[in-house]
Amino acid sequence: MEFHRLSTREWARAFGLGIANGVALSVIMITMMKLGVSPLPKPLGLAFAETLAGRSLPPPVGLLFHLAYVTFWSMAFVAVFRQSLTLRNAALLALVLWIGVLVIFFPIVGWGPLGLVVGPQLIVGSFVPHLLFGLFLWGLCRLAFPVSSQPNRNGG
C-alpha cells in the first residue's frame, strides 16, 4: 500500500466522488431516521459534533461532519488504491471504518463500545451504511476512473 501522486484532475474526481458518496449516504440515512427505521438515537455525525461542541447543534452541522468524513475517506481511498480501485479494497476500507465507529466513535459520543449502551442493534445498524459506503465508493470510482484510464501495472 502506497500513496499515489494524483494529478489535479484526479484529485478533483476523487473529491467529486467523495461528495457524491456522502450525499447519497446522507439521503439514505436521513430517510431511515425519518421513517424510524434507524436504530441510532441520532445521526452519528451530529452526535459527534455535539460531543465536540459540548452543546446541541442543528442537524446540518452533523451532515457537514458526515460529508467531510466520507469525502476524506473517499479521497484517501483513491490516493492509496489508485491502481487498484477494486470492490475488495473498497469493502476492506468500509470494514475498517465500521470497526472504527464501533470502538472509537460510539464510545466518544457516549453510546459505549460497539454501541452497547444503546443496544446491540447498533452493530448491524452501523454496518449497513458502511457496506453501502463501500459499494458506492467502488461504483463511483468505476465511473470517475474507468479501467481504461487506470495506470497499468507495468508503469504506464
N, C-alpha and C. Protein backbone atom coordinates (compact mmCIF):
# COMPACT_ATOMS: atom_id res chain seq x y z
N MET A 1 0.85 -1.17 0.00
CA MET A 1 0.00 0.00 0.00
C MET A 1 0.89 1.23 0.00
N GLU A 2 0.68 2.10 -0.98
CA GLU A 2 1.46 3.32 -1.06
C GLU A 2 0.57 4.47 -1.47
N PHE A 3 1.00 5.66 -1.15
CA PHE A 3 0.27 6.87 -1.50
C PHE A 3 0.68 7.26 -2.92
N HIS A 4 -0.29 7.32 -3.83
CA HIS A 4 -0.01 7.64 -5.23
C HIS A 4 -0.10 9.13 -5.46
N ARG A 5 0.75 9.61 -6.34
CA ARG A 5 0.66 11.01 -6.75
C ARG A 5 -0.49 11.12 -7.74
N LEU A 6 -1.43 11.98 -7.41
CA LEU A 6 -2.58 12.17 -8.30
C LEU A 6 -2.44 13.51 -8.99
N SER A 7 -2.94 13.57 -10.20
CA SER A 7 -2.98 14.85 -10.91
C SER A 7 -4.08 15.70 -10.29
N THR A 8 -4.07 16.97 -10.62
CA THR A 8 -5.12 17.87 -10.13
C THR A 8 -6.49 17.37 -10.57
N ARG A 9 -6.57 16.88 -11.78
CA ARG A 9 -7.83 16.35 -12.30
C ARG A 9 -8.29 15.12 -11.51
N GLU A 10 -7.35 14.25 -11.17
CA GLU A 10 -7.69 13.06 -10.39
C GLU A 10 -8.14 13.45 -8.98
N TRP A 11 -7.47 14.43 -8.37
CA TRP A 11 -7.91 14.90 -7.05
C TRP A 11 -9.33 15.46 -7.14
N ALA A 12 -9.60 16.21 -8.21
CA ALA A 12 -10.94 16.78 -8.39
C ALA A 12 -11.99 15.67 -8.54
N ARG A 13 -11.66 14.64 -9.30
CA ARG A 13 -12.57 13.50 -9.45
C ARG A 13 -12.80 12.79 -8.11
N ALA A 14 -11.69 12.60 -7.36
CA ALA A 14 -11.80 11.95 -6.06
C ALA A 14 -12.67 12.78 -5.11
N PHE A 15 -12.49 14.09 -5.14
CA PHE A 15 -13.30 14.98 -4.31
C PHE A 15 -14.77 14.88 -4.72
N GLY A 16 -15.02 14.93 -6.01
CA GLY A 16 -16.39 14.84 -6.50
C GLY A 16 -17.07 13.53 -6.14
N LEU A 17 -16.35 12.42 -6.26
CA LEU A 17 -16.97 11.15 -5.92
C LEU A 17 -17.16 11.04 -4.40
N GLY A 18 -16.29 11.68 -3.62
CA GLY A 18 -16.47 11.70 -2.17
C GLY A 18 -17.73 12.47 -1.78
N ILE A 19 -17.93 13.62 -2.42
CA ILE A 19 -19.14 14.42 -2.17
C ILE A 19 -20.37 13.62 -2.58
N ALA A 20 -20.32 13.01 -3.76
CA ALA A 20 -21.46 12.23 -4.24
C ALA A 20 -21.76 11.07 -3.30
N ASN A 21 -20.73 10.39 -2.82
CA ASN A 21 -20.91 9.28 -1.89
C ASN A 21 -21.54 9.79 -0.59
N GLY A 22 -21.01 10.89 -0.07
CA GLY A 22 -21.53 11.46 1.17
C GLY A 22 -22.98 11.90 1.05
N VAL A 23 -23.32 12.52 -0.06
CA VAL A 23 -24.71 12.97 -0.28
C VAL A 23 -25.64 11.76 -0.40
N ALA A 24 -25.24 10.76 -1.18
CA ALA A 24 -26.08 9.57 -1.35
C ALA A 24 -26.32 8.88 -0.01
N LEU A 25 -25.26 8.71 0.76
CA LEU A 25 -25.41 8.07 2.07
C LEU A 25 -26.26 8.91 3.01
N SER A 26 -26.09 10.22 2.96
CA SER A 26 -26.88 11.12 3.82
C SER A 26 -28.36 11.02 3.50
N VAL A 27 -28.69 10.99 2.22
CA VAL A 27 -30.10 10.88 1.82
C VAL A 27 -30.69 9.59 2.38
N ILE A 28 -29.95 8.50 2.25
CA ILE A 28 -30.44 7.21 2.76
C ILE A 28 -30.59 7.26 4.28
N MET A 29 -29.56 7.77 4.96
CA MET A 29 -29.61 7.79 6.43
C MET A 29 -30.70 8.73 6.96
N ILE A 30 -30.89 9.88 6.33
CA ILE A 30 -31.95 10.80 6.76
C ILE A 30 -33.31 10.14 6.54
N THR A 31 -33.47 9.48 5.42
CA THR A 31 -34.73 8.79 5.13
C THR A 31 -35.00 7.72 6.19
N MET A 32 -33.99 6.94 6.52
CA MET A 32 -34.16 5.88 7.53
C MET A 32 -34.50 6.48 8.90
N MET A 33 -33.88 7.61 9.24
CA MET A 33 -34.19 8.28 10.51
C MET A 33 -35.64 8.77 10.52
N LYS A 34 -36.04 9.41 9.42
CA LYS A 34 -37.40 9.96 9.33
C LYS A 34 -38.46 8.85 9.37
N LEU A 35 -38.12 7.69 8.79
CA LEU A 35 -39.06 6.56 8.80
C LEU A 35 -39.04 5.80 10.13
N GLY A 36 -38.09 6.16 11.00
CA GLY A 36 -37.99 5.49 12.30
C GLY A 36 -37.38 4.10 12.22
N VAL A 37 -36.66 3.82 11.13
CA VAL A 37 -36.07 2.50 10.93
C VAL A 37 -34.64 2.43 11.47
N SER A 38 -33.98 3.55 11.56
CA SER A 38 -32.60 3.57 12.03
C SER A 38 -32.54 3.28 13.52
N PRO A 39 -31.64 2.39 13.95
CA PRO A 39 -31.52 2.11 15.38
C PRO A 39 -30.71 3.17 16.14
N LEU A 40 -30.04 4.06 15.40
CA LEU A 40 -29.24 5.09 16.06
C LEU A 40 -30.16 6.14 16.70
N PRO A 41 -29.82 6.58 17.92
CA PRO A 41 -30.64 7.60 18.57
C PRO A 41 -30.65 8.92 17.81
N LYS A 42 -29.56 9.21 17.12
CA LYS A 42 -29.45 10.40 16.27
C LYS A 42 -28.33 10.12 15.28
N PRO A 43 -28.23 10.92 14.23
CA PRO A 43 -27.13 10.71 13.29
C PRO A 43 -25.78 10.81 14.00
N LEU A 44 -24.88 9.89 13.69
CA LEU A 44 -23.59 9.84 14.37
C LEU A 44 -22.79 11.11 14.14
N GLY A 45 -22.83 11.67 12.94
CA GLY A 45 -22.12 12.92 12.67
C GLY A 45 -22.59 14.04 13.58
N LEU A 46 -23.90 14.11 13.81
CA LEU A 46 -24.45 15.12 14.70
C LEU A 46 -24.06 14.84 16.15
N ALA A 47 -24.15 13.60 16.57
CA ALA A 47 -23.75 13.24 17.94
C ALA A 47 -22.28 13.57 18.18
N PHE A 48 -21.43 13.31 17.19
CA PHE A 48 -20.01 13.60 17.33
C PHE A 48 -19.77 15.11 17.39
N ALA A 49 -20.41 15.86 16.51
CA ALA A 49 -20.26 17.31 16.50
C ALA A 49 -20.74 17.91 17.83
N GLU A 50 -21.85 17.41 18.35
CA GLU A 50 -22.37 17.90 19.63
C GLU A 50 -21.43 17.55 20.78
N THR A 51 -20.81 16.38 20.72
CA THR A 51 -19.84 15.99 21.74
C THR A 51 -18.65 16.93 21.72
N LEU A 52 -18.16 17.25 20.52
CA LEU A 52 -17.03 18.18 20.40
C LEU A 52 -17.40 19.58 20.87
N ALA A 53 -18.61 20.02 20.52
CA ALA A 53 -19.05 21.37 20.88
C ALA A 53 -19.52 21.47 22.32
N GLY A 54 -19.92 20.34 22.88
CA GLY A 54 -20.44 20.36 24.25
C GLY A 54 -21.83 20.96 24.36
N ARG A 55 -22.56 20.97 23.27
CA ARG A 55 -23.93 21.52 23.28
C ARG A 55 -24.71 20.98 22.09
N SER A 56 -26.01 21.19 22.11
CA SER A 56 -26.86 20.79 20.98
C SER A 56 -26.54 21.64 19.76
N LEU A 57 -26.62 21.01 18.62
CA LEU A 57 -26.36 21.70 17.35
C LEU A 57 -27.46 21.36 16.36
N PRO A 58 -27.66 22.20 15.37
CA PRO A 58 -28.67 21.88 14.35
C PRO A 58 -28.21 20.73 13.46
N PRO A 59 -29.14 19.95 12.96
CA PRO A 59 -28.81 18.79 12.11
C PRO A 59 -27.86 19.08 10.95
N PRO A 60 -27.94 20.24 10.28
CA PRO A 60 -27.00 20.46 9.17
C PRO A 60 -25.52 20.40 9.58
N VAL A 61 -25.22 20.71 10.83
CA VAL A 61 -23.84 20.61 11.30
C VAL A 61 -23.39 19.15 11.28
N GLY A 62 -24.25 18.25 11.72
CA GLY A 62 -23.94 16.83 11.67
C GLY A 62 -23.77 16.34 10.24
N LEU A 63 -24.61 16.85 9.33
CA LEU A 63 -24.48 16.47 7.92
C LEU A 63 -23.15 16.93 7.35
N LEU A 64 -22.72 18.12 7.73
CA LEU A 64 -21.42 18.62 7.25
C LEU A 64 -20.27 17.76 7.78
N PHE A 65 -20.34 17.36 9.05
CA PHE A 65 -19.33 16.47 9.61
C PHE A 65 -19.30 15.17 8.83
N HIS A 66 -20.48 14.61 8.58
CA HIS A 66 -20.56 13.34 7.85
C HIS A 66 -20.04 13.49 6.43
N LEU A 67 -20.42 14.56 5.77
CA LEU A 67 -19.98 14.79 4.40
C LEU A 67 -18.46 14.94 4.33
N ALA A 68 -17.88 15.66 5.28
CA ALA A 68 -16.42 15.83 5.32
C ALA A 68 -15.73 14.48 5.56
N TYR A 69 -16.28 13.70 6.47
CA TYR A 69 -15.70 12.39 6.82
C TYR A 69 -15.72 11.45 5.60
N VAL A 70 -16.86 11.35 4.96
CA VAL A 70 -17.00 10.46 3.80
C VAL A 70 -16.13 10.95 2.64
N THR A 71 -16.09 12.25 2.44
CA THR A 71 -15.27 12.79 1.35
C THR A 71 -13.79 12.53 1.62
N PHE A 72 -13.35 12.75 2.85
CA PHE A 72 -11.95 12.50 3.19
C PHE A 72 -11.57 11.05 2.90
N TRP A 73 -12.37 10.11 3.40
CA TRP A 73 -12.02 8.69 3.23
C TRP A 73 -12.15 8.25 1.78
N SER A 74 -13.06 8.83 1.03
CA SER A 74 -13.18 8.50 -0.39
C SER A 74 -11.93 8.97 -1.14
N MET A 75 -11.48 10.18 -0.82
CA MET A 75 -10.28 10.71 -1.47
C MET A 75 -9.04 9.91 -1.05
N ALA A 76 -8.98 9.55 0.21
CA ALA A 76 -7.84 8.75 0.70
C ALA A 76 -7.82 7.40 -0.02
N PHE A 77 -8.99 6.81 -0.24
CA PHE A 77 -9.07 5.54 -0.95
C PHE A 77 -8.45 5.65 -2.34
N VAL A 78 -8.84 6.71 -3.05
CA VAL A 78 -8.30 6.90 -4.40
C VAL A 78 -6.79 7.11 -4.35
N ALA A 79 -6.33 7.91 -3.40
CA ALA A 79 -4.90 8.19 -3.31
C ALA A 79 -4.09 6.94 -2.97
N VAL A 80 -4.62 6.08 -2.15
CA VAL A 80 -3.88 4.88 -1.74
C VAL A 80 -4.04 3.75 -2.77
N PHE A 81 -5.24 3.58 -3.28
CA PHE A 81 -5.52 2.43 -4.16
C PHE A 81 -5.72 2.83 -5.62
N ARG A 82 -5.12 3.93 -6.05
CA ARG A 82 -5.34 4.43 -7.41
C ARG A 82 -5.18 3.37 -8.47
N GLN A 83 -4.25 2.48 -8.32
CA GLN A 83 -4.02 1.45 -9.33
C GLN A 83 -4.85 0.19 -9.09
N SER A 84 -5.65 0.20 -8.03
CA SER A 84 -6.45 -0.98 -7.71
C SER A 84 -7.74 -0.57 -7.00
N LEU A 85 -8.59 0.15 -7.72
CA LEU A 85 -9.86 0.64 -7.17
C LEU A 85 -10.91 -0.46 -7.24
N THR A 86 -10.66 -1.53 -6.51
CA THR A 86 -11.49 -2.73 -6.60
C THR A 86 -12.58 -2.76 -5.53
N LEU A 87 -13.56 -3.59 -5.77
CA LEU A 87 -14.61 -3.81 -4.78
C LEU A 87 -14.00 -4.35 -3.48
N ARG A 88 -13.05 -5.25 -3.61
CA ARG A 88 -12.39 -5.82 -2.43
C ARG A 88 -11.73 -4.74 -1.58
N ASN A 89 -11.00 -3.83 -2.22
CA ASN A 89 -10.34 -2.76 -1.46
C ASN A 89 -11.34 -1.78 -0.87
N ALA A 90 -12.41 -1.48 -1.60
CA ALA A 90 -13.44 -0.60 -1.06
C ALA A 90 -14.13 -1.25 0.13
N ALA A 91 -14.39 -2.55 0.03
CA ALA A 91 -15.01 -3.29 1.14
C ALA A 91 -14.07 -3.34 2.35
N LEU A 92 -12.79 -3.49 2.09
CA LEU A 92 -11.82 -3.50 3.18
C LEU A 92 -11.81 -2.16 3.92
N LEU A 93 -11.80 -1.07 3.18
CA LEU A 93 -11.86 0.25 3.82
C LEU A 93 -13.15 0.40 4.60
N ALA A 94 -14.27 0.00 4.02
CA ALA A 94 -15.56 0.09 4.71
C ALA A 94 -15.54 -0.70 6.02
N LEU A 95 -14.95 -1.88 5.99
CA LEU A 95 -14.85 -2.72 7.19
C LEU A 95 -14.01 -2.04 8.26
N VAL A 96 -12.87 -1.49 7.88
CA VAL A 96 -12.00 -0.80 8.83
C VAL A 96 -12.73 0.40 9.44
N LEU A 97 -13.43 1.17 8.61
CA LEU A 97 -14.15 2.34 9.12
C LEU A 97 -15.30 1.92 10.04
N TRP A 98 -15.96 0.82 9.72
CA TRP A 98 -17.04 0.32 10.58
C TRP A 98 -16.50 -0.06 11.95
N ILE A 99 -15.39 -0.77 11.96
CA ILE A 99 -14.77 -1.15 13.24
C ILE A 99 -14.37 0.11 14.02
N GLY A 100 -13.87 1.11 13.30
CA GLY A 100 -13.52 2.38 13.95
C GLY A 100 -14.72 3.04 14.60
N VAL A 101 -15.86 2.98 13.94
CA VAL A 101 -17.09 3.54 14.51
C VAL A 101 -17.45 2.78 15.80
N LEU A 102 -17.37 1.46 15.73
CA LEU A 102 -17.76 0.64 16.88
C LEU A 102 -16.87 0.85 18.10
N VAL A 103 -15.57 0.99 17.88
CA VAL A 103 -14.64 1.03 19.02
C VAL A 103 -14.11 2.42 19.35
N ILE A 104 -14.31 3.39 18.45
CA ILE A 104 -13.82 4.75 18.73
C ILE A 104 -14.99 5.74 18.82
N PHE A 105 -15.75 5.89 17.75
CA PHE A 105 -16.77 6.93 17.72
C PHE A 105 -17.95 6.66 18.66
N PHE A 106 -18.44 5.43 18.70
CA PHE A 106 -19.56 5.14 19.60
C PHE A 106 -19.19 5.46 21.06
N PRO A 107 -18.04 5.01 21.55
CA PRO A 107 -17.68 5.38 22.92
C PRO A 107 -17.52 6.90 23.11
N ILE A 108 -16.96 7.59 22.13
CA ILE A 108 -16.77 9.04 22.26
C ILE A 108 -18.10 9.75 22.45
N VAL A 109 -19.14 9.33 21.73
CA VAL A 109 -20.42 10.02 21.83
C VAL A 109 -21.29 9.49 22.97
N GLY A 110 -20.75 8.54 23.75
CA GLY A 110 -21.47 8.05 24.91
C GLY A 110 -22.35 6.84 24.67
N TRP A 111 -22.20 6.21 23.51
CA TRP A 111 -23.02 5.04 23.21
C TRP A 111 -22.31 3.75 23.60
N GLY A 112 -21.11 3.87 24.13
CA GLY A 112 -20.36 2.71 24.62
C GLY A 112 -19.68 1.92 23.51
N PRO A 113 -18.76 1.03 23.90
CA PRO A 113 -18.10 0.17 22.91
C PRO A 113 -19.15 -0.64 22.15
N LEU A 114 -19.02 -0.68 20.85
CA LEU A 114 -19.95 -1.39 19.96
C LEU A 114 -21.37 -0.80 19.99
N GLY A 115 -21.55 0.32 20.69
CA GLY A 115 -22.88 0.92 20.80
C GLY A 115 -23.78 0.21 21.78
N LEU A 116 -23.19 -0.63 22.64
CA LEU A 116 -23.99 -1.49 23.52
C LEU A 116 -24.72 -0.73 24.62
N VAL A 117 -24.33 0.51 24.91
CA VAL A 117 -25.10 1.30 25.88
C VAL A 117 -26.50 1.56 25.30
N VAL A 118 -26.58 1.76 24.00
CA VAL A 118 -27.87 1.96 23.34
C VAL A 118 -28.52 0.61 23.06
N GLY A 119 -27.73 -0.34 22.57
CA GLY A 119 -28.26 -1.67 22.30
C GLY A 119 -27.48 -2.36 21.19
N PRO A 120 -27.53 -3.68 21.14
CA PRO A 120 -26.77 -4.43 20.13
C PRO A 120 -27.22 -4.15 18.70
N GLN A 121 -28.41 -3.60 18.53
CA GLN A 121 -28.89 -3.29 17.19
C GLN A 121 -28.01 -2.25 16.49
N LEU A 122 -27.21 -1.48 17.25
CA LEU A 122 -26.32 -0.50 16.63
C LEU A 122 -25.20 -1.16 15.85
N ILE A 123 -24.85 -2.38 16.21
CA ILE A 123 -23.78 -3.08 15.49
C ILE A 123 -24.19 -3.29 14.03
N VAL A 124 -25.35 -3.88 13.83
CA VAL A 124 -25.84 -4.10 12.46
C VAL A 124 -26.28 -2.78 11.85
N GLY A 125 -26.90 -1.93 12.66
CA GLY A 125 -27.37 -0.64 12.17
C GLY A 125 -26.27 0.25 11.66
N SER A 126 -25.07 0.07 12.17
CA SER A 126 -23.93 0.85 11.67
C SER A 126 -23.18 0.11 10.57
N PHE A 127 -23.39 -1.19 10.47
CA PHE A 127 -22.73 -1.97 9.41
C PHE A 127 -23.33 -1.64 8.04
N VAL A 128 -24.65 -1.54 7.98
CA VAL A 128 -25.32 -1.34 6.70
C VAL A 128 -24.84 -0.07 5.99
N PRO A 129 -24.77 1.10 6.66
CA PRO A 129 -24.26 2.28 5.96
C PRO A 129 -22.80 2.12 5.51
N HIS A 130 -22.01 1.38 6.27
CA HIS A 130 -20.62 1.18 5.86
C HIS A 130 -20.54 0.24 4.66
N LEU A 131 -21.40 -0.75 4.63
CA LEU A 131 -21.48 -1.62 3.46
C LEU A 131 -21.85 -0.79 2.22
N LEU A 132 -22.85 0.08 2.38
CA LEU A 132 -23.26 0.95 1.28
C LEU A 132 -22.14 1.90 0.88
N PHE A 133 -21.41 2.42 1.88
CA PHE A 133 -20.27 3.29 1.60
C PHE A 133 -19.29 2.56 0.67
N GLY A 134 -18.95 1.33 1.00
CA GLY A 134 -18.01 0.58 0.18
C GLY A 134 -18.53 0.32 -1.23
N LEU A 135 -19.80 -0.05 -1.33
CA LEU A 135 -20.39 -0.30 -2.64
C LEU A 135 -20.46 0.97 -3.48
N PHE A 136 -20.91 2.06 -2.86
CA PHE A 136 -20.99 3.34 -3.59
C PHE A 136 -19.60 3.81 -3.99
N LEU A 137 -18.63 3.67 -3.08
CA LEU A 137 -17.27 4.10 -3.37
C LEU A 137 -16.74 3.35 -4.59
N TRP A 138 -16.90 2.05 -4.60
CA TRP A 138 -16.44 1.24 -5.72
C TRP A 138 -17.14 1.65 -7.01
N GLY A 139 -18.46 1.78 -6.95
CA GLY A 139 -19.22 2.15 -8.15
C GLY A 139 -18.85 3.53 -8.67
N LEU A 140 -18.71 4.47 -7.76
CA LEU A 140 -18.35 5.83 -8.17
C LEU A 140 -16.92 5.88 -8.73
N CYS A 141 -16.03 5.08 -8.17
CA CYS A 141 -14.67 5.01 -8.71
C CYS A 141 -14.67 4.44 -10.12
N ARG A 142 -15.53 3.47 -10.35
CA ARG A 142 -15.63 2.89 -11.70
C ARG A 142 -16.11 3.94 -12.70
N LEU A 143 -16.97 4.86 -12.24
CA LEU A 143 -17.44 5.93 -13.13
C LEU A 143 -16.38 7.01 -13.31
N ALA A 144 -15.76 7.42 -12.21
CA ALA A 144 -14.80 8.53 -12.25
C ALA A 144 -13.44 8.11 -12.79
N PHE A 145 -13.10 6.84 -12.60
CA PHE A 145 -11.80 6.32 -13.03
C PHE A 145 -12.01 5.02 -13.79
N PRO A 146 -12.53 5.11 -15.01
CA PRO A 146 -12.77 3.88 -15.77
C PRO A 146 -11.47 3.08 -15.93
N VAL A 147 -11.63 1.78 -16.07
CA VAL A 147 -10.47 0.89 -16.15
C VAL A 147 -9.50 1.37 -17.23
N SER A 148 -10.00 1.89 -18.34
CA SER A 148 -9.12 2.33 -19.42
C SER A 148 -8.25 3.52 -18.99
N SER A 149 -8.68 4.29 -17.96
CA SER A 149 -7.89 5.43 -17.51
C SER A 149 -7.00 5.08 -16.32
N GLN A 150 -7.10 3.86 -15.83
CA GLN A 150 -6.26 3.46 -14.71
C GLN A 150 -4.87 3.11 -15.22
N PRO A 151 -3.84 3.54 -14.51
CA PRO A 151 -2.49 3.19 -14.94
C PRO A 151 -2.30 1.69 -14.97
N ASN A 152 -1.53 1.21 -15.94
CA ASN A 152 -1.30 -0.23 -15.95
C ASN A 152 -0.22 -0.59 -14.95
N ARG A 153 -0.12 -1.83 -14.62
CA ARG A 153 0.82 -2.27 -13.58
C ARG A 153 2.26 -2.31 -14.08
N ASN A 154 2.45 -2.04 -15.37
CA ASN A 154 3.82 -2.05 -15.92
C ASN A 154 4.42 -0.66 -15.95
N GLY A 155 3.79 0.27 -15.20
CA GLY A 155 4.35 1.61 -15.09
C GLY A 155 3.80 2.61 -16.09
N GLY A 156 2.81 2.22 -16.92
CA GLY A 156 2.31 3.12 -17.95
C GLY A 156 1.16 3.93 -17.54
